[in-house]
Amino acid sequence: MALSYTARRRWALVILLVGLPVYIVTAITLVGLLERPHFLVELLIYAGLGILWAVPFRFIFRGIGQADPAKDRD
């Protein structure tokens, strides 16, 4: 069952307001467990974790910035 446009917008807001801070804290904690890696390695770790975090929510964020397709246009 597909989510409506409004439901996807609401879920996107929840994901950004709750999920993004949780990701940031988790990523910093994981990198903090390692002894301070080289700058480029640390950057790759953060980029990889960011991609892994965003991939499952791709279908929710797709098309959110556009107008509601179900709305009648006059």
N, C-alpha and C. Protein backbone atom coordinates (compact mmCIF):
# COMPACT_ATOMS: atom_id res chain seq x y z
N MET A 1 0.84 -1.17 0.00
CA MET A 1 0.00 0.00 0.00
C MET A 1 0.89 1.25 0.00
N ALA A 2 0.65 2.10 -0.95
CA ALA A 2 1.46 3.31 -1.09
C ALA A 2 0.97 4.40 -0.14
N LEU A 3 1.90 5.18 0.35
CA LEU A 3 1.56 6.30 1.23
C LEU A 3 1.09 7.47 0.39
N SER A 4 0.14 8.22 0.93
CA SER A 4 -0.31 9.42 0.24
C SER A 4 0.76 10.49 0.32
N TYR A 5 0.59 11.51 -0.49
CA TYR A 5 1.56 12.61 -0.52
C TYR A 5 1.65 13.27 0.85
N THR A 6 0.50 13.51 1.48
CA THR A 6 0.48 14.15 2.80
C THR A 6 1.16 13.28 3.84
N ALA A 7 0.91 11.99 3.80
CA ALA A 7 1.53 11.08 4.76
C ALA A 7 3.05 11.04 4.56
N ARG A 8 3.49 11.03 3.31
CA ARG A 8 4.93 11.04 3.04
C ARG A 8 5.57 12.33 3.54
N ARG A 9 4.88 13.48 3.39
CA ARG A 9 5.42 14.75 3.90
C ARG A 9 5.55 14.72 5.41
N ARG A 10 4.54 14.17 6.08
CA ARG A 10 4.59 14.09 7.54
C ARG A 10 5.70 13.17 8.00
N TRP A 11 5.81 12.00 7.36
CA TRP A 11 6.88 11.06 7.74
C TRP A 11 8.26 11.65 7.47
N ALA A 12 8.40 12.38 6.38
CA ALA A 12 9.68 13.02 6.07
C ALA A 12 10.05 14.02 7.16
N LEU A 13 9.08 14.76 7.65
CA LEU A 13 9.34 15.72 8.72
C LEU A 13 9.76 15.00 10.00
N VAL A 14 9.07 13.92 10.35
CA VAL A 14 9.42 13.15 11.54
C VAL A 14 10.82 12.56 11.41
N ILE A 15 11.12 12.02 10.23
CA ILE A 15 12.44 11.42 10.00
C ILE A 15 13.54 12.48 10.15
N LEU A 16 13.30 13.66 9.60
CA LEU A 16 14.32 14.71 9.68
C LEU A 16 14.46 15.28 11.09
N LEU A 17 13.36 15.40 11.82
CA LEU A 17 13.43 15.99 13.15
C LEU A 17 13.87 15.00 14.22
N VAL A 18 13.60 13.72 14.03
CA VAL A 18 13.97 12.71 15.02
C VAL A 18 15.15 11.86 14.53
N GLY A 19 15.04 11.36 13.30
CA GLY A 19 16.03 10.44 12.77
C GLY A 19 17.39 11.06 12.51
N LEU A 20 17.40 12.27 12.01
CA LEU A 20 18.67 12.92 11.71
C LEU A 20 19.50 13.18 12.96
N PRO A 21 18.93 13.71 14.04
CA PRO A 21 19.74 13.86 15.26
C PRO A 21 20.22 12.52 15.82
N VAL A 22 19.38 11.49 15.72
CA VAL A 22 19.80 10.16 16.19
C VAL A 22 20.96 9.65 15.35
N TYR A 23 20.90 9.87 14.03
CA TYR A 23 22.00 9.48 13.16
C TYR A 23 23.28 10.22 13.53
N ILE A 24 23.18 11.51 13.77
CA ILE A 24 24.37 12.32 14.08
C ILE A 24 25.03 11.83 15.36
N VAL A 25 24.23 11.60 16.39
CA VAL A 25 24.78 11.12 17.66
C VAL A 25 25.40 9.74 17.49
N THR A 26 24.73 8.86 16.74
CA THR A 26 25.25 7.51 16.51
C THR A 26 26.55 7.55 15.71
N ALA A 27 26.60 8.36 14.67
CA ALA A 27 27.81 8.45 13.84
C ALA A 27 28.99 8.99 14.65
N ILE A 28 28.75 10.01 15.44
CA ILE A 28 29.83 10.58 16.25
C ILE A 28 30.30 9.58 17.30
N THR A 29 29.36 8.83 17.88
CA THR A 29 29.72 7.82 18.86
C THR A 29 30.54 6.70 18.23
N LEU A 30 30.13 6.25 17.04
CA LEU A 30 30.88 5.18 16.37
C LEU A 30 32.29 5.62 16.00
N VAL A 31 32.44 6.83 15.51
CA VAL A 31 33.77 7.33 15.16
C VAL A 31 34.58 7.58 16.43
N GLY A 32 33.91 7.98 17.50
CA GLY A 32 34.59 8.21 18.76
C GLY A 32 35.15 6.93 19.38
N LEU A 33 34.56 5.79 19.04
CA LEU A 33 35.07 4.51 19.55
C LEU A 33 36.43 4.18 18.95
N LEU A 34 36.65 4.66 17.74
CA LEU A 34 37.95 4.46 17.10
C LEU A 34 38.92 5.49 17.64
N GLU A 35 40.19 5.13 17.61
CA GLU A 35 41.18 6.15 17.93
C GLU A 35 41.17 7.14 16.76
N ARG A 36 41.23 8.40 17.02
CA ARG A 36 41.05 9.46 16.02
C ARG A 36 41.69 9.07 14.68
N PRO A 37 40.83 8.68 13.67
CA PRO A 37 41.39 8.31 12.36
C PRO A 37 41.82 9.55 11.57
N HIS A 38 42.50 9.31 10.48
CA HIS A 38 42.93 10.38 9.58
C HIS A 38 41.68 11.12 9.08
N PHE A 39 41.85 12.39 8.76
CA PHE A 39 40.72 13.23 8.35
C PHE A 39 39.92 12.62 7.20
N LEU A 40 40.61 12.14 6.16
CA LEU A 40 39.91 11.58 4.99
C LEU A 40 39.17 10.29 5.35
N VAL A 41 39.74 9.48 6.21
CA VAL A 41 39.07 8.25 6.64
C VAL A 41 37.82 8.60 7.44
N GLU A 42 37.95 9.58 8.31
CA GLU A 42 36.80 10.03 9.11
C GLU A 42 35.70 10.58 8.20
N LEU A 43 36.08 11.35 7.19
CA LEU A 43 35.12 11.89 6.24
C LEU A 43 34.41 10.76 5.48
N LEU A 44 35.16 9.75 5.06
CA LEU A 44 34.54 8.61 4.37
C LEU A 44 33.59 7.84 5.27
N ILE A 45 33.94 7.71 6.54
CA ILE A 45 33.05 7.02 7.49
C ILE A 45 31.74 7.79 7.62
N TYR A 46 31.82 9.11 7.81
CA TYR A 46 30.60 9.91 7.94
C TYR A 46 29.77 9.87 6.66
N ALA A 47 30.41 9.94 5.51
CA ALA A 47 29.68 9.89 4.23
C ALA A 47 29.01 8.53 4.05
N GLY A 48 29.72 7.47 4.36
CA GLY A 48 29.15 6.13 4.25
C GLY A 48 27.97 5.91 5.18
N LEU A 49 28.11 6.36 6.42
CA LEU A 49 27.01 6.24 7.37
C LEU A 49 25.82 7.10 6.95
N GLY A 50 26.08 8.24 6.36
CA GLY A 50 25.00 9.10 5.87
C GLY A 50 24.23 8.46 4.73
N ILE A 51 24.93 7.82 3.84
CA ILE A 51 24.26 7.13 2.73
C ILE A 51 23.47 5.94 3.26
N LEU A 52 24.06 5.18 4.17
CA LEU A 52 23.35 4.04 4.74
C LEU A 52 22.10 4.48 5.51
N TRP A 53 22.14 5.64 6.12
CA TRP A 53 20.99 6.15 6.86
C TRP A 53 19.88 6.58 5.91
N ALA A 54 20.23 7.17 4.79
CA ALA A 54 19.24 7.76 3.89
C ALA A 54 18.62 6.76 2.92
N VAL A 55 19.30 5.70 2.57
CA VAL A 55 18.80 4.77 1.55
C VAL A 55 17.44 4.17 1.90
N PRO A 56 17.20 3.72 3.13
CA PRO A 56 15.89 3.13 3.41
C PRO A 56 14.73 4.12 3.31
N PHE A 57 14.99 5.40 3.43
CA PHE A 57 13.93 6.40 3.41
C PHE A 57 13.81 7.10 2.06
N ARG A 58 14.47 6.60 1.06
CA ARG A 58 14.48 7.24 -0.26
C ARG A 58 13.07 7.39 -0.83
N PHE A 59 12.23 6.37 -0.68
CA PHE A 59 10.90 6.43 -1.26
C PHE A 59 10.01 7.47 -0.57
N ILE A 60 10.30 7.78 0.68
CA ILE A 60 9.52 8.78 1.39
C ILE A 60 9.88 10.18 0.92
N PHE A 61 11.16 10.44 0.69
CA PHE A 61 11.61 11.78 0.32
C PHE A 61 11.42 12.10 -1.16
N ARG A 62 11.19 11.09 -1.98
CA ARG A 62 11.07 11.32 -3.42
C ARG A 62 9.81 12.13 -3.73
N GLY A 63 9.97 13.28 -4.35
CA GLY A 63 8.86 14.11 -4.79
C GLY A 63 8.24 15.00 -3.73
N ILE A 64 8.83 15.07 -2.55
CA ILE A 64 8.25 15.86 -1.46
C ILE A 64 8.31 17.36 -1.76
N GLY A 65 9.31 17.82 -2.47
CA GLY A 65 9.46 19.25 -2.74
C GLY A 65 8.54 19.75 -3.84
N GLN A 66 7.83 18.87 -4.50
CA GLN A 66 6.94 19.28 -5.59
C GLN A 66 5.53 19.49 -5.06
N ALA A 67 4.68 20.07 -5.88
CA ALA A 67 3.30 20.30 -5.48
C ALA A 67 2.56 18.97 -5.36
N ASP A 68 1.49 18.99 -4.58
CA ASP A 68 0.68 17.78 -4.36
C ASP A 68 0.08 17.35 -5.69
N PRO A 69 0.39 16.15 -6.18
CA PRO A 69 -0.13 15.71 -7.48
C PRO A 69 -1.63 15.44 -7.46
N ALA A 70 -2.22 15.19 -6.31
CA ALA A 70 -3.65 14.89 -6.23
C ALA A 70 -4.51 16.15 -6.17
N LYS A 71 -3.88 17.29 -5.96
CA LYS A 71 -4.63 18.54 -5.85
C LYS A 71 -5.11 18.96 -7.24
N ASP A 72 -6.36 19.36 -7.31
CA ASP A 72 -6.91 19.82 -8.59
C ASP A 72 -6.32 21.18 -8.94
N ARG A 73 -5.88 21.30 -10.15
CA ARG A 73 -5.33 22.59 -10.61
C ARG A 73 -6.36 23.32 -11.44
N ASP A 74 -6.59 24.55 -11.06
CA ASP A 74 -7.59 25.35 -11.79
C ASP A 74 -6.96 26.19 -12.86
